[in-house]
């Protein structure tokens, strides 16, 4: 492997790690609103299998 390839790989690795760290920091400071953001996700993806009527794996999300 040439020196240029090694430098390119290091640069790509550092850029990848830095991007992940920056994304984590920016999302960590945001306040999540349960009613506007979380509850609709549960309704769309979870309630059909984890409701009072049907309890897949015995897990309900309505309680």
PDB file of N, CA and C in Angstrom:
ATOM      1  N   UNK A   1       0.848  -1.168   0.000  1.00  0.00           N
ATOM      2  CA  UNK A   1       0.000   0.000   0.000  1.00  0.00           C
ATOM      3  C   UNK A   1       0.898   1.237   0.000  1.00  0.00           C
ATOM      4  N   UNK A   2       0.578   2.179  -0.832  1.00  0.00           N
ATOM      5  CA  UNK A   2       1.411   3.372  -0.948  1.00  0.00           C
ATOM      6  C   UNK A   2       1.131   4.342   0.203  1.00  0.00           C
ATOM      7  N   UNK A   3       2.039   5.279   0.365  1.00  0.00           N
ATOM      8  CA  UNK A   3       1.890   6.285   1.412  1.00  0.00           C
ATOM      9  C   UNK A   3       0.635   7.124   1.162  1.00  0.00           C
ATOM     10  N   UNK A   4       0.371   7.419  -0.078  1.00  0.00           N
ATOM     11  CA  UNK A   4      -0.814   8.211  -0.421  1.00  0.00           C
ATOM     12  C   UNK A   4      -2.095   7.460  -0.028  1.00  0.00           C
ATOM     13  N   UNK A   5      -2.138   6.173  -0.279  1.00  0.00           N
ATOM     14  CA  UNK A   5      -3.313   5.385   0.084  1.00  0.00           C
ATOM     15  C   UNK A   5      -3.506   5.352   1.601  1.00  0.00           C
ATOM     16  N   UNK A   6      -2.411   5.224   2.328  1.00  0.00           N
ATOM     17  CA  UNK A   6      -2.488   5.211   3.788  1.00  0.00           C
ATOM     18  C   UNK A   6      -3.044   6.539   4.297  1.00  0.00           C
ATOM     19  N   UNK A   7      -2.549   7.646   3.759  1.00  0.00           N
ATOM     20  CA  UNK A   7      -3.040   8.964   4.169  1.00  0.00           C
ATOM     21  C   UNK A   7      -4.519   9.122   3.827  1.00  0.00           C
ATOM     22  N   UNK A   8      -4.915   8.655   2.680  1.00  0.00           N
ATOM     23  CA  UNK A   8      -6.326   8.746   2.289  1.00  0.00           C
ATOM     24  C   UNK A   8      -7.213   7.921   3.221  1.00  0.00           C
ATOM     25  N   UNK A   9      -6.756   6.734   3.579  1.00  0.00           N
ATOM     26  CA  UNK A   9      -7.522   5.901   4.504  1.00  0.00           C
ATOM     27  C   UNK A   9      -7.634   6.546   5.882  1.00  0.00           C
ATOM     28  N   UNK A  10      -6.532   7.114   6.378  1.00  0.00           N
ATOM     29  CA  UNK A  10      -6.563   7.794   7.669  1.00  0.00           C
ATOM     30  C   UNK A  10      -7.508   8.988   7.635  1.00  0.00           C
ATOM     31  N   UNK A  11      -7.444   9.759   6.560  1.00  0.00           N
ATOM     32  CA  UNK A  11      -8.323  10.914   6.429  1.00  0.00           C
ATOM     33  C   UNK A  11      -9.784  10.474   6.413  1.00  0.00           C
ATOM     34  N   UNK A  12     -10.096   9.435   5.659  1.00  0.00           N
ATOM     35  CA  UNK A  12     -11.471   8.937   5.583  1.00  0.00           C
ATOM     36  C   UNK A  12     -11.937   8.436   6.951  1.00  0.00           C
ATOM     37  N   UNK A  13     -11.075   7.733   7.656  1.00  0.00           N
ATOM     38  CA  UNK A  13     -11.415   7.224   8.984  1.00  0.00           C
ATOM     39  C   UNK A  13     -11.697   8.367   9.959  1.00  0.00           C
ATOM     40  N   UNK A  14     -10.830   9.357   9.978  1.00  0.00           N
ATOM     41  CA  UNK A  14     -11.000  10.494  10.882  1.00  0.00           C
ATOM     42  C   UNK A  14     -12.267  11.273  10.537  1.00  0.00           C
ATOM     43  N   UNK A  15     -12.529  11.462   9.248  1.00  0.00           N
ATOM     44  CA  UNK A  15     -13.744  12.166   8.832  1.00  0.00           C
ATOM     45  C   UNK A  15     -14.988  11.389   9.254  1.00  0.00           C
ATOM     46  N   UNK A  16     -14.948  10.082   9.114  1.00  0.00           N
ATOM     47  CA  UNK A  16     -16.076   9.229   9.495  1.00  0.00           C
ATOM     48  C   UNK A  16     -16.342   9.317  10.995  1.00  0.00           C
ATOM     49  N   UNK A  17     -15.306   9.225  11.791  1.00  0.00           N
ATOM     50  CA  UNK A  17     -15.449   9.287  13.247  1.00  0.00           C
ATOM     51  C   UNK A  17     -15.927  10.672  13.679  1.00  0.00           C
ATOM     52  N   UNK A  18     -15.345  11.718  13.107  1.00  0.00           N
ATOM     53  CA  UNK A  18     -15.739  13.084  13.467  1.00  0.00           C
ATOM     54  C   UNK A  18     -17.202  13.335  13.119  1.00  0.00           C
ATOM     55  N   UNK A  19     -17.641  12.832  11.984  1.00  0.00           N
ATOM     56  CA  UNK A  19     -19.033  13.005  11.582  1.00  0.00           C
ATOM     57  C   UNK A  19     -19.969  12.323  12.578  1.00  0.00           C
ATOM     58  N   UNK A  20     -19.619  11.145  13.007  1.00  0.00           N
ATOM     59  CA  UNK A  20     -20.434  10.438  13.987  1.00  0.00           C
ATOM     60  C   UNK A  20     -20.481  11.150  15.326  1.00  0.00           C
ATOM     61  N   UNK A  21     -19.356  11.699  15.755  1.00  0.00           N
ATOM     62  CA  UNK A  21     -19.325  12.427  17.021  1.00  0.00           C
ATOM     63  C   UNK A  21     -20.152  13.703  16.954  1.00  0.00           C
ATOM     64  N   UNK A  22     -20.065  14.409  15.857  1.00  0.00           N
ATOM     65  CA  UNK A  22     -20.830  15.647  15.713  1.00  0.00           C
ATOM     66  C   UNK A  22     -22.328  15.358  15.676  1.00  0.00           C
ATOM     67  N   UNK A  23     -22.725  14.298  15.003  1.00  0.00           N
ATOM     68  CA  UNK A  23     -24.144  13.946  14.930  1.00  0.00           C
ATOM     69  C   UNK A  23     -24.670  13.578  16.309  1.00  0.00           C
ATOM     70  N   UNK A  24     -23.881  12.879  17.091  1.00  0.00           N
ATOM     71  CA  UNK A  24     -24.289  12.482  18.433  1.00  0.00           C
ATOM     72  C   UNK A  24     -24.455  13.699  19.332  1.00  0.00           C
ATOM     73  N   UNK A  25     -23.539  14.620  19.255  1.00  0.00           N
ATOM     74  CA  UNK A  25     -23.625  15.815  20.097  1.00  0.00           C
ATOM     75  C   UNK A  25     -24.836  16.668  19.743  1.00  0.00           C
ATOM     76  N   UNK A  26     -25.098  16.856  18.482  1.00  0.00           N
ATOM     77  CA  UNK A  26     -26.197  17.733  18.099  1.00  0.00           C
ATOM     78  C   UNK A  26     -27.551  17.125  18.472  1.00  0.00           C
ATOM     79  N   UNK A  27     -27.710  15.826  18.391  1.00  0.00           N
ATOM     80  CA  UNK A  27     -28.974  15.181  18.747  1.00  0.00           C
ATOM     81  C   UNK A  27     -29.145  15.088  20.263  1.00  0.00           C
ATOM     82  N   UNK A  28     -28.069  15.028  21.006  1.00  0.00           N
ATOM     83  CA  UNK A  28     -28.168  14.871  22.455  1.00  0.00           C
ATOM     84  C   UNK A  28     -28.741  16.116  23.125  1.00  0.00           C
ATOM     85  N   UNK A  29     -28.587  17.273  22.512  1.00  0.00           N
ATOM     86  CA  UNK A  29     -29.067  18.510  23.109  1.00  0.00           C
ATOM     87  C   UNK A  29     -30.537  18.784  22.820  1.00  0.00           C
ATOM     88  N   UNK A  30     -31.132  18.059  21.895  1.00  0.00           N
ATOM     89  CA  UNK A  30     -32.516  18.307  21.520  1.00  0.00           C
ATOM     90  C   UNK A  30     -33.479  17.690  22.537  1.00  0.00           C
ATOM     91  N   UNK A  31     -34.550  18.397  22.804  1.00  0.00           N
ATOM     92  CA  UNK A  31     -35.596  17.898  23.692  1.00  0.00           C
ATOM     93  C   UNK A  31     -36.608  17.144  22.841  1.00  0.00           C
ATOM     94  N   UNK A  32     -36.960  15.948  23.278  1.00  0.00           N
ATOM     95  CA  UNK A  32     -37.914  15.119  22.546  1.00  0.00           C
ATOM     96  C   UNK A  32     -39.293  15.310  23.163  1.00  0.00           C
ATOM     97  N   UNK A  33     -40.262  15.598  22.326  1.00  0.00           N
ATOM     98  CA  UNK A  33     -41.641  15.757  22.775  1.00  0.00           C
ATOM     99  C   UNK A  33     -42.357  14.421  22.602  1.00  0.00           C
ATOM    100  N   UNK A  34     -42.824  13.839  23.706  1.00  0.00           N
ATOM    101  CA  UNK A  34     -43.444  12.517  23.650  1.00  0.00           C
ATOM    102  C   UNK A  34     -44.687  12.506  22.764  1.00  0.00           C
ATOM    103  N   UNK A  35     -45.578  13.465  22.971  1.00  0.00           N
ATOM    104  CA  UNK A  35     -46.856  13.469  22.251  1.00  0.00           C
ATOM    105  C   UNK A  35     -46.652  13.682  20.751  1.00  0.00           C
ATOM    106  N   UNK A  36     -45.734  14.550  20.381  1.00  0.00           N
ATOM    107  CA  UNK A  36     -45.540  14.869  18.966  1.00  0.00           C
ATOM    108  C   UNK A  36     -44.605  13.910  18.234  1.00  0.00           C
ATOM    109  N   UNK A  37     -43.625  13.331  18.933  1.00  0.00           N
ATOM    110  CA  UNK A  37     -42.612  12.529  18.251  1.00  0.00           C
ATOM    111  C   UNK A  37     -42.645  11.035  18.585  1.00  0.00           C
ATOM    112  N   UNK A  38     -42.803  10.695  19.845  1.00  0.00           N
ATOM    113  CA  UNK A  38     -42.708   9.292  20.260  1.00  0.00           C
ATOM    114  C   UNK A  38     -44.039   8.560  20.112  1.00  0.00           C
ATOM    115  N   UNK A  39     -45.105   9.160  20.609  1.00  0.00           N
ATOM    116  CA  UNK A  39     -46.415   8.508  20.575  1.00  0.00           C
ATOM    117  C   UNK A  39     -46.852   8.131  19.156  1.00  0.00           C
ATOM    118  N   UNK A  40     -46.653   8.991  18.135  1.00  0.00           N
ATOM    119  CA  UNK A  40     -47.012   8.589  16.771  1.00  0.00           C
ATOM    120  C   UNK A  40     -46.205   7.386  16.265  1.00  0.00           C
ATOM    121  N   UNK A  41     -44.945   7.270  16.685  1.00  0.00           N
ATOM    122  CA  UNK A  41     -44.138   6.107  16.287  1.00  0.00           C
ATOM    123  C   UNK A  41     -44.692   4.827  16.904  1.00  0.00           C
ATOM    124  N   UNK A  42     -45.058   4.892  18.180  1.00  0.00           N
ATOM    125  CA  UNK A  42     -45.672   3.730  18.823  1.00  0.00           C
ATOM    126  C   UNK A  42     -46.975   3.355  18.131  1.00  0.00           C
ATOM    127  N   UNK A  43     -47.782   4.352  17.826  1.00  0.00           N
ATOM    128  CA  UNK A  43     -49.068   4.086  17.175  1.00  0.00           C
ATOM    129  C   UNK A  43     -48.873   3.443  15.808  1.00  0.00           C
ATOM    130  N   UNK A  44     -47.887   3.892  15.082  1.00  0.00           N
ATOM    131  CA  UNK A  44     -47.669   3.388  13.722  1.00  0.00           C
ATOM    132  C   UNK A  44     -46.996   2.014  13.704  1.00  0.00           C
ATOM    133  N   UNK A  45     -46.020   1.801  14.577  1.00  0.00           N
ATOM    134  CA  UNK A  45     -45.180   0.606  14.468  1.00  0.00           C
ATOM    135  C   UNK A  45     -45.363  -0.427  15.581  1.00  0.00           C
ATOM    136  N   UNK A  46     -46.019  -0.075  16.677  1.00  0.00           N
ATOM    137  CA  UNK A  46     -46.030  -0.986  17.826  1.00  0.00           C
ATOM    138  C   UNK A  46     -47.418  -1.427  18.286  1.00  0.00           C
ATOM    139  N   UNK A  47     -48.397  -0.541  18.204  1.00  0.00           N
ATOM    140  CA  UNK A  47     -49.697  -0.831  18.803  1.00  0.00           C
ATOM    141  C   UNK A  47     -50.437  -1.987  18.151  1.00  0.00           C
ATOM    142  N   UNK A  48     -50.175  -2.268  16.904  1.00  0.00           N
ATOM    143  CA  UNK A  48     -50.895  -3.375  16.268  1.00  0.00           C
ATOM    144  C   UNK A  48     -50.523  -4.723  16.881  1.00  0.00           C
ATOM    145  N   UNK A  49     -49.331  -4.861  17.408  1.00  0.00           N
ATOM    146  CA  UNK A  49     -48.893  -6.131  18.009  1.00  0.00           C
ATOM    147  C   UNK A  49     -48.826  -6.095  19.539  1.00  0.00           C
ATOM    148  N   UNK A  50     -48.834  -4.921  20.134  1.00  0.00           N
ATOM    149  CA  UNK A  50     -48.669  -4.802  21.588  1.00  0.00           C
ATOM    150  C   UNK A  50     -49.770  -3.933  22.180  1.00  0.00           C
ATOM    151  N   UNK A  51     -51.006  -4.322  21.953  1.00  0.00           N
ATOM    152  CA  UNK A  51     -52.170  -3.572  22.436  1.00  0.00           C
ATOM    153  C   UNK A  51     -52.956  -4.431  23.423  1.00  0.00           C
ATOM    154  N   UNK A  52     -54.019  -3.882  24.024  1.00  0.00           N
ATOM    155  CA  UNK A  52     -54.834  -4.696  24.935  1.00  0.00           C
ATOM    156  C   UNK A  52     -55.464  -5.901  24.239  1.00  0.00           C
ATOM    157  N   UNK A  53     -55.745  -5.774  22.945  1.00  0.00           N
ATOM    158  CA  UNK A  53     -56.377  -6.859  22.195  1.00  0.00           C
ATOM    159  C   UNK A  53     -55.363  -7.947  21.861  1.00  0.00           C
ATOM    160  N   UNK A  54     -54.194  -7.557  21.407  1.00  0.00           N
ATOM    161  CA  UNK A  54     -53.153  -8.511  21.009  1.00  0.00           C
ATOM    162  C   UNK A  54     -51.861  -8.151  21.735  1.00  0.00           C
ATOM    163  N   UNK A  55     -51.305  -9.107  22.460  1.00  0.00           N
ATOM    164  CA  UNK A  55     -50.090  -8.850  23.226  1.00  0.00           C
ATOM    165  C   UNK A  55     -48.983  -9.800  22.805  1.00  0.00           C
ATOM    166  N   UNK A  56     -48.305  -9.473  21.747  1.00  0.00           N
ATOM    167  CA  UNK A  56     -47.206 -10.301  21.264  1.00  0.00           C
ATOM    168  C   UNK A  56     -46.120 -10.359  22.340  1.00  0.00           C
ATOM    169  N   UNK A  57     -45.692 -11.548  22.672  1.00  0.00           N
ATOM    170  CA  UNK A  57     -44.691 -11.798  23.719  1.00  0.00           C
ATOM    171  C   UNK A  57     -45.137 -11.296  25.087  1.00  0.00           C
ATOM    172  N   UNK A  58     -46.444 -11.093  25.253  1.00  0.00           N
ATOM    173  CA  UNK A  58     -46.956 -10.639  26.538  1.00  0.00           C
ATOM    174  C   UNK A  58     -46.619  -9.199  26.872  1.00  0.00           C
ATOM    175  N   UNK A  59     -46.248  -8.418  25.871  1.00  0.00           N
ATOM    176  CA  UNK A  59     -45.829  -7.034  26.105  1.00  0.00           C
ATOM    177  C   UNK A  59     -46.872  -6.061  25.583  1.00  0.00           C
ATOM    178  N   UNK A  60     -47.345  -5.185  26.463  1.00  0.00           N
ATOM    179  CA  UNK A  60     -48.315  -4.149  26.082  1.00  0.00           C
ATOM    180  C   UNK A  60     -47.669  -2.781  26.233  1.00  0.00           C
ATOM    181  N   UNK A  61     -47.965  -1.893  25.290  1.00  0.00           N
ATOM    182  CA  UNK A  61     -47.416  -0.541  25.407  1.00  0.00           C
ATOM    183  C   UNK A  61     -48.454   0.476  25.857  1.00  0.00           C
ATOM    184  N   UNK A  62     -49.669   0.042  26.111  1.00  0.00           N
ATOM    185  CA  UNK A  62     -50.714   0.980  26.517  1.00  0.00           C
ATOM    186  C   UNK A  62     -50.767   1.193  28.024  1.00  0.00           C
ATOM    187  N   UNK A  63     -50.007   0.433  28.791  1.00  0.00           N
ATOM    188  CA  UNK A  63     -50.048   0.578  30.249  1.00  0.00           C
ATOM    189  C   UNK A  63     -48.834   1.300  30.763  1.00  0.00           C
TER     190      UNK A  63
END
